[in-house]
Amino acid sequence: MAAANRLVWYGLLTLTLSAVGCSSSATNKPESTAASSAAAKPTTPSPGEGQRGATGESTTGQSSLDELQKGKPGTPGPLKDVYFSFDRYDLEGEARETLKVNADWLKKNSTARVEIEGHCDERGTNEYNLALGAKRAQAAKDYLVTLGIATERLSTISYGEEVPVCREQNESCWSQNRRARFVVIQARPAS
């Protein structure tokens, strides 16, 4: 288990460092097309990344990491976040209700795929929070599957404590960071 956690951590660290080290300044050159950014992504997904980079899809939402790198706050999409108690990854009643609403939307939008991001508050080690974020994302995915959403339409990634929505050090803020966030990825039409 510790080896898997390290692998996830190193994969995320490598992905982050390569994105930061290889990107040019946003003021110098805007992103040209989705195709060029997809070409810059590795063909083999990092642990926990899923298959987004290899399936010919475009994102309709931005991942939390993409938004953080661009200095933008998380933009809400059609699917709502679910929240977790401190140091927990089990789904409480309110989270299950939110996931039912999300599943209804996914059933109505059958070509949409979703990347489920697991997030944590800042308490705990980086490794622990990456593992906890992965469990939170997986718990949300598993529940959506029980509601009839095909597992192939869902991928997970953990950001641990690295992409908070609130940076204050109090319980109110920490509770906003303990979440699973849903980023919609629309499939491109077959050519």
Protein backbone atom coordinates (compact mmCIF):
# COMPACT_ATOMS: atom_id res chain seq x y z
CA MET A 1 0.00 0.00 0.00
CA ALA A 2 2.84 2.39 0.86
CA ALA A 3 4.49 1.65 -2.48
CA ALA A 4 1.25 2.45 -4.32
CA ASN A 5 0.93 5.72 -2.41
CA ARG A 6 4.48 6.66 -3.31
CA LEU A 7 3.82 5.78 -6.95
CA VAL A 8 0.73 8.02 -7.01
CA TRP A 9 2.65 10.82 -5.28
CA TYR A 10 5.63 10.59 -7.64
CA GLY A 11 3.33 10.43 -10.67
CA LEU A 12 1.49 13.57 -9.57
CA LEU A 13 4.75 15.31 -8.70
CA THR A 14 6.27 14.41 -12.08
CA LEU A 15 3.15 15.58 -13.92
CA THR A 16 3.10 18.87 -12.00
CA LEU A 17 6.81 19.53 -12.44
CA SER A 18 6.71 18.76 -16.13
CA ALA A 19 3.69 21.01 -16.62
CA VAL A 20 5.30 23.87 -14.69
CA GLY A 21 8.80 23.37 -16.09
CA CYS A 22 7.75 22.98 -19.70
CA SER A 23 5.01 25.58 -19.93
CA SER A 24 5.63 29.02 -21.30
CA SER A 25 4.32 32.16 -19.68
CA ALA A 26 0.59 32.71 -20.24
CA THR A 27 1.29 36.35 -21.11
CA ASN A 28 3.67 35.39 -23.90
CA LYS A 29 1.68 32.77 -25.75
CA PRO A 30 -1.94 31.60 -25.30
CA GLU A 31 -2.83 27.96 -25.72
CA SER A 32 -3.45 27.42 -29.40
CA THR A 33 -5.71 24.37 -29.61
CA ALA A 34 -6.89 21.41 -27.64
CA ALA A 35 -4.97 19.20 -30.07
CA SER A 36 -1.64 20.83 -29.24
CA SER A 37 -2.25 20.56 -25.50
CA ALA A 38 -3.31 16.93 -25.92
CA ALA A 39 -0.11 16.27 -27.83
CA ALA A 40 1.90 17.60 -24.89
CA LYS A 41 0.31 15.10 -22.51
CA PRO A 42 1.96 11.73 -22.06
CA THR A 43 0.31 8.88 -23.91
CA THR A 44 0.47 6.69 -20.83
CA PRO A 45 -1.61 8.16 -18.01
CA SER A 46 -0.02 8.77 -14.64
CA PRO A 47 -1.26 6.58 -11.81
CA GLY A 48 -4.79 7.66 -10.91
CA GLU A 49 -5.13 9.85 -14.00
CA GLY A 50 -7.42 7.53 -15.92
CA GLN A 51 -7.53 7.50 -19.71
CA ARG A 52 -8.47 11.09 -20.55
CA GLY A 53 -5.31 11.88 -22.49
CA ALA A 54 -5.53 8.79 -24.69
CA THR A 55 -9.18 8.69 -25.74
CA GLY A 56 -9.60 11.63 -28.11
CA GLU A 57 -11.75 13.72 -25.81
CA SER A 58 -11.97 17.40 -25.07
CA THR A 59 -12.77 18.77 -21.69
CA THR A 60 -15.76 21.01 -21.21
CA GLY A 61 -14.57 21.76 -17.70
CA GLN A 62 -11.07 22.46 -16.52
CA SER A 63 -9.39 20.27 -13.94
CA SER A 64 -8.66 21.89 -10.61
CA LEU A 65 -4.94 21.74 -11.42
CA ASP A 66 -5.44 23.47 -14.79
CA GLU A 67 -7.45 26.23 -13.14
CA LEU A 68 -4.87 26.65 -10.36
CA GLN A 69 -2.05 26.96 -12.90
CA LYS A 70 -4.02 29.62 -14.77
CA GLY A 71 -4.75 31.47 -11.53
CA LYS A 72 -8.51 30.94 -11.85
CA PRO A 73 -10.84 29.73 -9.12
CA GLY A 74 -12.67 26.44 -9.67
CA THR A 75 -15.52 27.00 -12.10
CA PRO A 76 -18.70 25.14 -11.23
CA GLY A 77 -19.92 22.70 -13.85
CA PRO A 78 -23.23 20.90 -14.26
CA LEU A 79 -22.27 18.32 -11.64
CA LYS A 80 -22.10 19.21 -7.97
CA ASP A 81 -19.23 18.46 -5.59
CA VAL A 82 -19.71 16.03 -2.72
CA TYR A 83 -18.17 16.67 0.68
CA PHE A 84 -16.62 14.39 3.29
CA SER A 85 -16.07 14.43 7.03
CA PHE A 86 -12.57 14.85 8.44
CA ASP A 87 -10.32 11.87 7.72
CA ARG A 88 -13.20 9.94 6.08
CA TYR A 89 -14.04 8.72 2.60
CA ASP A 90 -17.43 7.13 3.25
CA LEU A 91 -20.44 8.81 1.65
CA GLU A 92 -22.94 10.42 3.99
CA GLY A 93 -26.62 10.96 3.15
CA GLU A 94 -26.21 14.41 1.61
CA ALA A 95 -23.33 13.18 -0.58
CA ARG A 96 -25.44 10.24 -1.79
CA GLU A 97 -28.31 12.57 -2.70
CA THR A 98 -25.93 14.82 -4.64
CA LEU A 99 -24.53 11.80 -6.46
CA LYS A 100 -28.06 10.70 -7.41
CA VAL A 101 -28.65 14.10 -9.02
CA ASN A 102 -25.25 13.82 -10.76
CA ALA A 103 -26.16 10.33 -12.01
CA ASP A 104 -29.45 11.65 -13.44
CA TRP A 105 -27.52 14.32 -15.37
CA LEU A 106 -25.05 11.70 -16.65
CA LYS A 107 -27.92 9.47 -17.82
CA LYS A 108 -29.39 12.40 -19.78
CA ASN A 109 -25.96 13.22 -21.25
CA SER A 110 -24.88 9.76 -22.32
CA THR A 111 -21.77 10.84 -24.27
CA ALA A 112 -20.29 12.75 -21.35
CA ARG A 113 -17.44 11.27 -19.38
CA VAL A 114 -16.36 12.50 -15.98
CA GLU A 115 -13.05 12.78 -14.19
CA ILE A 116 -13.65 12.62 -10.45
CA GLU A 117 -11.07 14.57 -8.46
CA GLY A 118 -10.41 13.64 -4.83
CA HIS A 119 -9.38 16.52 -2.57
CA CYS A 120 -8.41 16.88 1.11
CA ASP A 121 -7.78 19.60 3.65
CA GLU A 122 -4.20 20.48 4.58
CA ARG A 123 -3.99 18.38 7.73
CA GLY A 124 -1.95 15.19 7.35
CA THR A 125 1.07 14.33 5.23
CA ASN A 126 1.09 14.78 1.47
CA GLU A 127 1.23 11.02 0.95
CA TYR A 128 -1.66 10.37 3.32
CA ASN A 129 -3.81 13.07 1.70
CA LEU A 130 -3.10 11.78 -1.80
CA ALA A 131 -4.24 8.32 -0.72
CA LEU A 132 -7.31 9.74 1.05
CA GLY A 133 -8.20 11.85 -2.00
CA ALA A 134 -7.94 8.72 -4.17
CA LYS A 135 -10.30 6.85 -1.83
CA ARG A 136 -12.78 9.74 -1.89
CA ALA A 137 -12.79 9.86 -5.69
CA GLN A 138 -13.14 6.07 -5.86
CA ALA A 139 -16.04 6.07 -3.36
CA ALA A 140 -17.90 8.61 -5.51
CA LYS A 141 -17.15 6.59 -8.66
CA ASP A 142 -18.28 3.32 -7.08
CA TYR A 143 -21.58 4.86 -5.98
CA LEU A 144 -22.24 6.31 -9.44
CA VAL A 145 -21.64 2.84 -10.89
CA THR A 146 -24.27 1.39 -8.51
CA LEU A 147 -26.67 4.03 -9.87
CA GLY A 148 -26.21 2.72 -13.42
CA ILE A 149 -23.35 4.83 -14.80
CA ALA A 150 -20.88 2.77 -16.84
CA THR A 151 -17.47 2.53 -15.21
CA GLU A 152 -15.84 3.31 -18.59
CA ARG A 153 -17.33 6.81 -18.43
CA LEU A 154 -15.68 7.58 -15.09
CA SER A 155 -12.04 8.16 -14.20
CA THR A 156 -10.45 9.28 -10.95
CA ILE A 157 -7.48 11.36 -9.86
CA SER A 158 -6.31 12.54 -6.46
CA TYR A 159 -4.94 15.99 -5.78
CA GLY A 160 -4.68 15.43 -2.03
CA GLU A 161 -4.25 18.79 -0.31
CA GLU A 162 -2.57 20.45 -3.29
CA VAL A 163 -5.57 22.28 -4.83
CA PRO A 164 -7.63 23.86 -2.04
CA VAL A 165 -10.66 26.05 -2.72
CA CYS A 166 -10.15 27.83 0.61
CA ARG A 167 -6.81 28.65 2.24
CA GLU A 168 -7.84 29.81 5.71
CA GLN A 169 -6.91 27.61 8.64
CA ASN A 170 -10.26 26.87 10.26
CA GLU A 171 -12.86 24.10 10.17
CA SER A 172 -15.24 26.03 7.92
CA CYS A 173 -12.54 26.35 5.30
CA TRP A 174 -11.16 22.83 5.70
CA SER A 175 -14.64 21.35 5.21
CA GLN A 176 -14.83 23.04 1.78
CA ASN A 177 -11.57 21.35 0.75
CA ARG A 178 -12.65 17.81 1.70
CA ARG A 179 -14.47 17.01 -1.51
CA ALA A 180 -14.84 15.05 -4.70
CA ARG A 181 -15.11 17.36 -7.71
CA PHE A 182 -16.53 16.32 -11.09
CA VAL A 183 -15.03 17.55 -14.37
CA VAL A 184 -17.14 16.77 -17.44
CA ILE A 185 -15.30 15.51 -20.52
CA GLN A 186 -17.35 15.41 -23.74
CA ALA A 187 -16.51 12.68 -26.23
CA ARG A 188 -15.62 13.92 -29.70
CA PRO A 189 -17.78 12.68 -32.57
CA ALA A 190 -16.34 9.74 -34.48
CA SER A 191 -14.71 10.71 -37.77
